Amino acid sequence: MAVTLTLTDIDPGTTQLYAFGTVQLSGNYPSGGDTIDWTQLAKQITVRGQTLESSMTDPAYGPIQASFTVQGGTPNQYQMQQGAAANNWKMRGYSTGSAGAEFTGGAAYPASATTDAITFAAQFRKLT
């Protein structure tokens, strides 16, 4: 898997869960974007002992919305495309240092991307 998500915190809202974490990129960047599998968060536990598992019991319950943000470092940008299920979202990467060109499909992620401090924020339905 070229995109690894690590859950760091959950804010249990009244009707929705807000999940936060880190993103690690590795391997090659596929043409058209890399797959994001939100179900990899289902078994992870935050430092405060919280989980998203209850919102992932039905794979159709992917995030309502999500975003990746670079915390300092390079000016790379990451765009999310919602999938039909929690395990097939797409992340497209762009290097703003080269006029916003998308990462090269089929080539290794640029070194600037694999060393970016990338975080995510995602909003999930809260199952009752």
N, C-alpha and C. Protein backbone atom coordinates (compact mmCIF):
# COMPACT_ATOMS: atom_id res chain seq x y z
N MET A 1 0.85 -1.17 0.00
CA MET A 1 0.00 0.00 0.00
C MET A 1 0.89 1.24 0.00
N ALA A 2 0.65 2.15 -0.90
CA ALA A 2 1.49 3.33 -1.03
C ALA A 2 1.04 4.48 -0.14
N VAL A 3 -0.19 4.45 0.35
CA VAL A 3 -0.69 5.49 1.25
C VAL A 3 -1.09 4.81 2.56
N THR A 4 -0.36 5.16 3.63
CA THR A 4 -0.65 4.59 4.94
C THR A 4 -1.23 5.68 5.84
N LEU A 5 -2.40 5.40 6.41
CA LEU A 5 -3.07 6.32 7.33
C LEU A 5 -2.87 5.84 8.76
N THR A 6 -2.54 6.76 9.65
CA THR A 6 -2.38 6.43 11.07
C THR A 6 -3.28 7.36 11.87
N LEU A 7 -4.21 6.79 12.60
CA LEU A 7 -5.16 7.54 13.41
C LEU A 7 -4.47 8.09 14.65
N THR A 8 -4.63 9.39 14.91
CA THR A 8 -4.03 9.99 16.11
C THR A 8 -5.07 10.51 17.10
N ASP A 9 -6.25 10.91 16.61
CA ASP A 9 -7.26 11.46 17.52
C ASP A 9 -8.64 11.34 16.91
N ILE A 10 -9.65 11.27 17.76
CA ILE A 10 -11.05 11.25 17.36
C ILE A 10 -11.80 12.23 18.23
N ASP A 11 -12.65 13.02 17.60
CA ASP A 11 -13.56 13.90 18.33
C ASP A 11 -14.96 13.31 18.15
N PRO A 12 -15.51 12.71 19.20
CA PRO A 12 -16.83 12.10 19.07
C PRO A 12 -17.94 13.15 19.17
N GLY A 13 -18.34 13.69 18.02
CA GLY A 13 -19.42 14.67 17.99
C GLY A 13 -20.76 14.01 18.31
N THR A 14 -21.82 14.76 18.20
CA THR A 14 -23.14 14.21 18.53
C THR A 14 -23.69 13.30 17.45
N THR A 15 -23.52 13.67 16.17
CA THR A 15 -24.03 12.84 15.08
C THR A 15 -22.92 12.35 14.14
N GLN A 16 -21.72 12.89 14.31
CA GLN A 16 -20.60 12.51 13.45
C GLN A 16 -19.32 12.38 14.27
N LEU A 17 -18.41 11.56 13.76
CA LEU A 17 -17.09 11.42 14.36
C LEU A 17 -16.09 12.17 13.50
N TYR A 18 -15.18 12.87 14.14
CA TYR A 18 -14.14 13.60 13.42
C TYR A 18 -12.82 12.91 13.73
N ALA A 19 -12.18 12.39 12.68
CA ALA A 19 -10.94 11.64 12.85
C ALA A 19 -9.77 12.46 12.31
N PHE A 20 -8.65 12.35 13.00
CA PHE A 20 -7.44 13.08 12.63
C PHE A 20 -6.27 12.11 12.66
N GLY A 21 -5.30 12.33 11.79
CA GLY A 21 -4.15 11.46 11.79
C GLY A 21 -3.07 11.91 10.84
N THR A 22 -2.15 10.99 10.60
CA THR A 22 -1.01 11.27 9.73
C THR A 22 -1.06 10.38 8.49
N VAL A 23 -0.36 10.83 7.46
CA VAL A 23 -0.33 10.13 6.17
C VAL A 23 1.13 9.90 5.79
N GLN A 24 1.43 8.69 5.35
CA GLN A 24 2.77 8.37 4.86
C GLN A 24 2.65 7.84 3.44
N LEU A 25 3.44 8.37 2.54
CA LEU A 25 3.44 7.95 1.13
C LEU A 25 4.69 7.14 0.84
N SER A 26 4.54 6.10 0.02
CA SER A 26 5.71 5.30 -0.38
C SER A 26 5.41 4.61 -1.70
N GLY A 27 6.45 4.11 -2.31
CA GLY A 27 6.28 3.37 -3.57
C GLY A 27 6.07 4.29 -4.75
N ASN A 28 5.30 3.82 -5.73
CA ASN A 28 5.05 4.57 -6.96
C ASN A 28 3.69 5.25 -6.91
N TYR A 29 3.61 6.38 -7.59
CA TYR A 29 2.37 7.14 -7.71
C TYR A 29 1.65 6.66 -8.96
N PRO A 30 0.46 6.05 -8.83
CA PRO A 30 -0.27 5.57 -10.01
C PRO A 30 -0.86 6.72 -10.83
N SER A 31 -0.92 6.55 -12.14
CA SER A 31 -1.58 7.56 -12.99
C SER A 31 -3.01 7.74 -12.51
N GLY A 32 -3.44 8.98 -12.38
CA GLY A 32 -4.81 9.26 -11.96
C GLY A 32 -5.01 9.32 -10.46
N GLY A 33 -3.97 9.07 -9.69
CA GLY A 33 -4.07 9.17 -8.24
C GLY A 33 -3.94 7.84 -7.52
N ASP A 34 -3.59 7.93 -6.25
CA ASP A 34 -3.38 6.74 -5.42
C ASP A 34 -4.64 6.43 -4.62
N THR A 35 -4.88 5.17 -4.37
CA THR A 35 -6.08 4.74 -3.65
C THR A 35 -5.92 5.00 -2.15
N ILE A 36 -6.98 5.54 -1.57
CA ILE A 36 -7.06 5.73 -0.13
C ILE A 36 -8.07 4.72 0.40
N ASP A 37 -7.65 3.90 1.33
CA ASP A 37 -8.52 2.91 1.95
C ASP A 37 -8.77 3.31 3.40
N TRP A 38 -9.89 3.97 3.63
CA TRP A 38 -10.22 4.45 4.98
C TRP A 38 -10.48 3.29 5.94
N THR A 39 -10.78 2.08 5.43
CA THR A 39 -11.05 0.96 6.32
C THR A 39 -9.81 0.55 7.11
N GLN A 40 -8.60 0.98 6.67
CA GLN A 40 -7.39 0.66 7.43
C GLN A 40 -7.41 1.33 8.81
N LEU A 41 -8.29 2.31 9.01
CA LEU A 41 -8.40 2.98 10.31
C LEU A 41 -9.26 2.19 11.30
N ALA A 42 -10.04 1.23 10.80
CA ALA A 42 -11.03 0.55 11.64
C ALA A 42 -10.45 -0.11 12.88
N LYS A 43 -9.29 -0.70 12.80
CA LYS A 43 -8.72 -1.42 13.95
C LYS A 43 -7.69 -0.61 14.72
N GLN A 44 -7.45 0.63 14.28
CA GLN A 44 -6.45 1.45 14.97
C GLN A 44 -7.05 2.11 16.21
N ILE A 45 -6.21 2.35 17.18
CA ILE A 45 -6.62 2.97 18.44
C ILE A 45 -5.80 4.24 18.64
N THR A 46 -6.46 5.33 19.02
CA THR A 46 -5.74 6.57 19.27
C THR A 46 -5.02 6.50 20.61
N VAL A 47 -4.20 7.49 20.87
CA VAL A 47 -3.45 7.51 22.13
C VAL A 47 -4.39 7.60 23.33
N ARG A 48 -5.63 8.07 23.11
CA ARG A 48 -6.61 8.14 24.21
C ARG A 48 -7.53 6.92 24.23
N GLY A 49 -7.21 5.90 23.42
CA GLY A 49 -7.97 4.66 23.44
C GLY A 49 -9.26 4.67 22.63
N GLN A 50 -9.43 5.64 21.75
CA GLN A 50 -10.64 5.72 20.94
C GLN A 50 -10.45 4.97 19.62
N THR A 51 -11.57 4.54 19.01
CA THR A 51 -11.52 3.85 17.72
C THR A 51 -12.62 4.38 16.79
N LEU A 52 -12.50 4.06 15.51
CA LEU A 52 -13.52 4.37 14.51
C LEU A 52 -14.27 3.11 14.10
N GLU A 53 -13.98 2.02 14.73
CA GLU A 53 -14.49 0.74 14.29
C GLU A 53 -16.00 0.72 14.11
N SER A 54 -16.76 1.31 15.02
CA SER A 54 -18.22 1.25 14.91
C SER A 54 -18.72 1.94 13.65
N SER A 55 -18.02 2.95 13.15
CA SER A 55 -18.44 3.62 11.93
C SER A 55 -17.98 2.89 10.67
N MET A 56 -17.16 1.87 10.83
CA MET A 56 -16.65 1.14 9.68
C MET A 56 -17.25 -0.26 9.55
N THR A 57 -18.24 -0.60 10.36
CA THR A 57 -18.82 -1.92 10.27
C THR A 57 -19.49 -2.15 8.92
N ASP A 58 -19.99 -1.10 8.30
CA ASP A 58 -20.54 -1.16 6.95
C ASP A 58 -19.56 -0.41 6.05
N PRO A 59 -18.90 -1.09 5.09
CA PRO A 59 -17.89 -0.44 4.28
C PRO A 59 -18.41 0.76 3.49
N ALA A 60 -19.72 0.84 3.29
CA ALA A 60 -20.29 1.99 2.59
C ALA A 60 -20.16 3.26 3.42
N TYR A 61 -19.90 3.11 4.71
CA TYR A 61 -19.79 4.26 5.59
C TYR A 61 -18.37 4.81 5.59
N GLY A 62 -17.96 5.29 4.45
CA GLY A 62 -16.68 5.99 4.37
C GLY A 62 -16.88 7.40 4.90
N PRO A 63 -15.87 8.21 4.81
CA PRO A 63 -16.01 9.58 5.31
C PRO A 63 -17.03 10.38 4.49
N ILE A 64 -17.66 11.31 5.15
CA ILE A 64 -18.55 12.25 4.47
C ILE A 64 -17.68 13.24 3.70
N GLN A 65 -16.59 13.64 4.30
CA GLN A 65 -15.60 14.49 3.65
C GLN A 65 -14.25 14.27 4.31
N ALA A 66 -13.20 14.59 3.57
CA ALA A 66 -11.85 14.39 4.10
C ALA A 66 -10.87 15.29 3.36
N SER A 67 -9.75 15.57 4.02
CA SER A 67 -8.72 16.38 3.37
C SER A 67 -7.35 16.01 3.92
N PHE A 68 -6.35 16.21 3.09
CA PHE A 68 -4.95 16.06 3.47
C PHE A 68 -4.34 17.46 3.50
N THR A 69 -3.48 17.72 4.47
CA THR A 69 -2.82 19.01 4.60
C THR A 69 -1.34 18.78 4.89
N VAL A 70 -0.48 19.57 4.27
CA VAL A 70 0.95 19.50 4.54
C VAL A 70 1.26 20.45 5.70
N GLN A 71 1.92 19.93 6.70
CA GLN A 71 2.30 20.72 7.88
C GLN A 71 3.72 21.20 7.72
N GLY A 72 3.91 22.32 7.05
CA GLY A 72 5.26 22.83 6.81
C GLY A 72 5.95 22.04 5.72
N GLY A 73 7.19 22.35 5.48
CA GLY A 73 7.95 21.62 4.47
C GLY A 73 7.66 22.11 3.07
N THR A 74 7.49 21.18 2.13
CA THR A 74 7.31 21.53 0.73
C THR A 74 5.92 22.09 0.47
N PRO A 75 5.76 22.76 -0.66
CA PRO A 75 4.43 23.28 -1.00
C PRO A 75 3.59 22.29 -1.81
N ASN A 76 3.84 20.98 -1.65
CA ASN A 76 3.01 19.99 -2.35
C ASN A 76 1.57 20.14 -1.90
N GLN A 77 0.65 19.76 -2.79
CA GLN A 77 -0.77 19.79 -2.46
C GLN A 77 -1.38 18.44 -2.78
N TYR A 78 -2.42 18.09 -2.01
CA TYR A 78 -3.07 16.79 -2.16
C TYR A 78 -4.57 17.01 -2.26
N GLN A 79 -5.16 16.43 -3.30
CA GLN A 79 -6.59 16.59 -3.55
C GLN A 79 -7.28 15.24 -3.35
N MET A 80 -8.40 15.25 -2.63
CA MET A 80 -9.15 14.02 -2.39
C MET A 80 -10.30 13.91 -3.37
N GLN A 81 -10.55 12.69 -3.85
CA GLN A 81 -11.70 12.40 -4.68
C GLN A 81 -12.49 11.28 -4.01
N GLN A 82 -13.74 11.56 -3.69
CA GLN A 82 -14.58 10.59 -2.99
C GLN A 82 -14.82 9.37 -3.85
N GLY A 83 -14.75 8.20 -3.21
CA GLY A 83 -15.02 6.95 -3.90
C GLY A 83 -16.43 6.47 -3.62
N ALA A 84 -16.80 5.36 -4.24
CA ALA A 84 -18.12 4.77 -4.03
C ALA A 84 -18.20 4.04 -2.70
N ALA A 85 -17.05 3.71 -2.13
CA ALA A 85 -17.00 3.01 -0.85
C ALA A 85 -15.80 3.53 -0.07
N ALA A 86 -15.70 3.14 1.19
CA ALA A 86 -14.63 3.63 2.07
C ALA A 86 -13.25 3.19 1.61
N ASN A 87 -13.16 2.14 0.81
CA ASN A 87 -11.85 1.62 0.44
C ASN A 87 -11.37 2.02 -0.96
N ASN A 88 -12.08 2.95 -1.63
CA ASN A 88 -11.62 3.30 -2.97
C ASN A 88 -11.68 4.80 -3.28
N TRP A 89 -11.32 5.62 -2.29
CA TRP A 89 -11.14 7.04 -2.56
C TRP A 89 -9.82 7.20 -3.33
N LYS A 90 -9.62 8.36 -3.92
CA LYS A 90 -8.38 8.66 -4.63
C LYS A 90 -7.74 9.92 -4.05
N MET A 91 -6.42 9.91 -4.01
CA MET A 91 -5.64 11.07 -3.61
C MET A 91 -4.76 11.41 -4.80
N ARG A 92 -4.87 12.66 -5.24
CA ARG A 92 -4.01 13.13 -6.33
C ARG A 92 -3.01 14.11 -5.74
N GLY A 93 -1.74 13.96 -6.11
CA GLY A 93 -0.68 14.80 -5.58
C GLY A 93 -0.14 15.75 -6.64
N TYR A 94 0.13 16.98 -6.19
CA TYR A 94 0.62 18.02 -7.09
C TYR A 94 1.83 18.71 -6.48
N SER A 95 2.82 18.97 -7.30
CA SER A 95 4.02 19.67 -6.86
C SER A 95 3.88 21.12 -7.29
N THR A 96 3.60 22.01 -6.35
CA THR A 96 3.42 23.42 -6.71
C THR A 96 4.73 24.07 -7.11
N GLY A 97 5.85 23.44 -6.79
CA GLY A 97 7.13 23.98 -7.20
C GLY A 97 7.34 23.90 -8.70
N SER A 98 6.58 23.06 -9.38
CA SER A 98 6.69 22.95 -10.84
C SER A 98 5.36 23.34 -11.49
N ALA A 99 4.85 24.50 -11.09
CA ALA A 99 3.62 25.09 -11.65
C ALA A 99 2.39 24.21 -11.44
N GLY A 100 2.35 23.47 -10.36
CA GLY A 100 1.17 22.69 -10.04
C GLY A 100 1.02 21.41 -10.82
N ALA A 101 2.11 20.88 -11.35
CA ALA A 101 2.05 19.65 -12.13
C ALA A 101 1.74 18.46 -11.22
N GLU A 102 0.90 17.56 -11.72
CA GLU A 102 0.60 16.35 -10.96
C GLU A 102 1.84 15.47 -10.90
N PHE A 103 1.99 14.72 -9.81
CA PHE A 103 3.10 13.79 -9.70
C PHE A 103 3.08 12.87 -10.93
N THR A 104 4.24 12.40 -11.34
CA THR A 104 4.35 11.56 -12.53
C THR A 104 3.78 10.17 -12.27
N GLY A 105 2.78 9.79 -13.07
CA GLY A 105 2.15 8.47 -12.94
C GLY A 105 3.12 7.36 -13.27
N GLY A 106 3.15 6.33 -12.45
CA GLY A 106 4.03 5.19 -12.66
C GLY A 106 5.43 5.36 -12.12
N ALA A 107 5.78 6.57 -11.71
CA ALA A 107 7.11 6.84 -11.16
C ALA A 107 7.04 6.86 -9.63
N ALA A 108 8.18 6.74 -9.01
CA ALA A 108 8.23 6.81 -7.55
C ALA A 108 7.71 8.17 -7.09
N TYR A 109 7.10 8.19 -5.91
CA TYR A 109 6.71 9.47 -5.33
C TYR A 109 7.94 10.35 -5.26
N PRO A 110 7.79 11.66 -5.50
CA PRO A 110 8.95 12.54 -5.34
C PRO A 110 9.44 12.53 -3.89
N ALA A 111 10.72 12.73 -3.70
CA ALA A 111 11.29 12.74 -2.34
C ALA A 111 10.59 13.77 -1.47
N SER A 112 10.18 14.89 -2.05
CA SER A 112 9.49 15.91 -1.26
C SER A 112 8.17 15.38 -0.70
N ALA A 113 7.49 14.49 -1.42
CA ALA A 113 6.22 13.94 -0.96
C ALA A 113 6.42 12.89 0.14
N THR A 114 7.45 12.06 -0.01
CA THR A 114 7.65 11.00 0.99
C THR A 114 8.20 11.55 2.30
N THR A 115 8.70 12.79 2.27
CA THR A 115 9.18 13.40 3.52
C THR A 115 8.24 14.50 4.03
N ASP A 116 7.16 14.77 3.29
CA ASP A 116 6.17 15.74 3.77
C ASP A 116 5.57 15.28 5.08
N ALA A 117 5.28 16.22 5.96
CA ALA A 117 4.52 15.92 7.19
C ALA A 117 3.05 16.17 6.83
N ILE A 118 2.37 15.10 6.39
CA ILE A 118 1.00 15.21 5.91
C ILE A 118 0.05 14.74 7.01
N THR A 119 -1.01 15.50 7.22
CA THR A 119 -2.04 15.11 8.17
C THR A 119 -3.37 14.99 7.43
N PHE A 120 -4.31 14.27 8.05
CA PHE A 120 -5.65 14.19 7.47
C PHE A 120 -6.69 14.57 8.52
N ALA A 121 -7.80 15.04 8.01
CA ALA A 121 -9.00 15.27 8.82
C ALA A 121 -10.15 14.65 8.04
N ALA A 122 -10.94 13.82 8.70
CA ALA A 122 -12.05 13.16 8.03
C ALA A 122 -13.27 13.14 8.95
N GLN A 123 -14.41 13.26 8.34
CA GLN A 123 -15.68 13.31 9.06
C GLN A 123 -16.47 12.06 8.70
N PHE A 124 -16.84 11.26 9.71
CA PHE A 124 -17.57 10.01 9.50
C PHE A 124 -18.95 10.08 10.13
N ARG A 125 -19.89 9.33 9.56
CA ARG A 125 -21.21 9.20 10.17
C ARG A 125 -21.07 8.44 11.48
N LYS A 126 -21.83 8.84 12.47
CA LYS A 126 -21.80 8.13 13.74
C LYS A 126 -22.97 7.14 13.72
N LEU A 127 -22.66 5.87 13.83
CA LEU A 127 -23.71 4.86 13.82
C LEU A 127 -24.37 4.83 15.20
N THR A 128 -25.68 4.65 15.18
CA THR A 128 -26.41 4.61 16.47
C THR A 128 -26.99 3.25 16.72
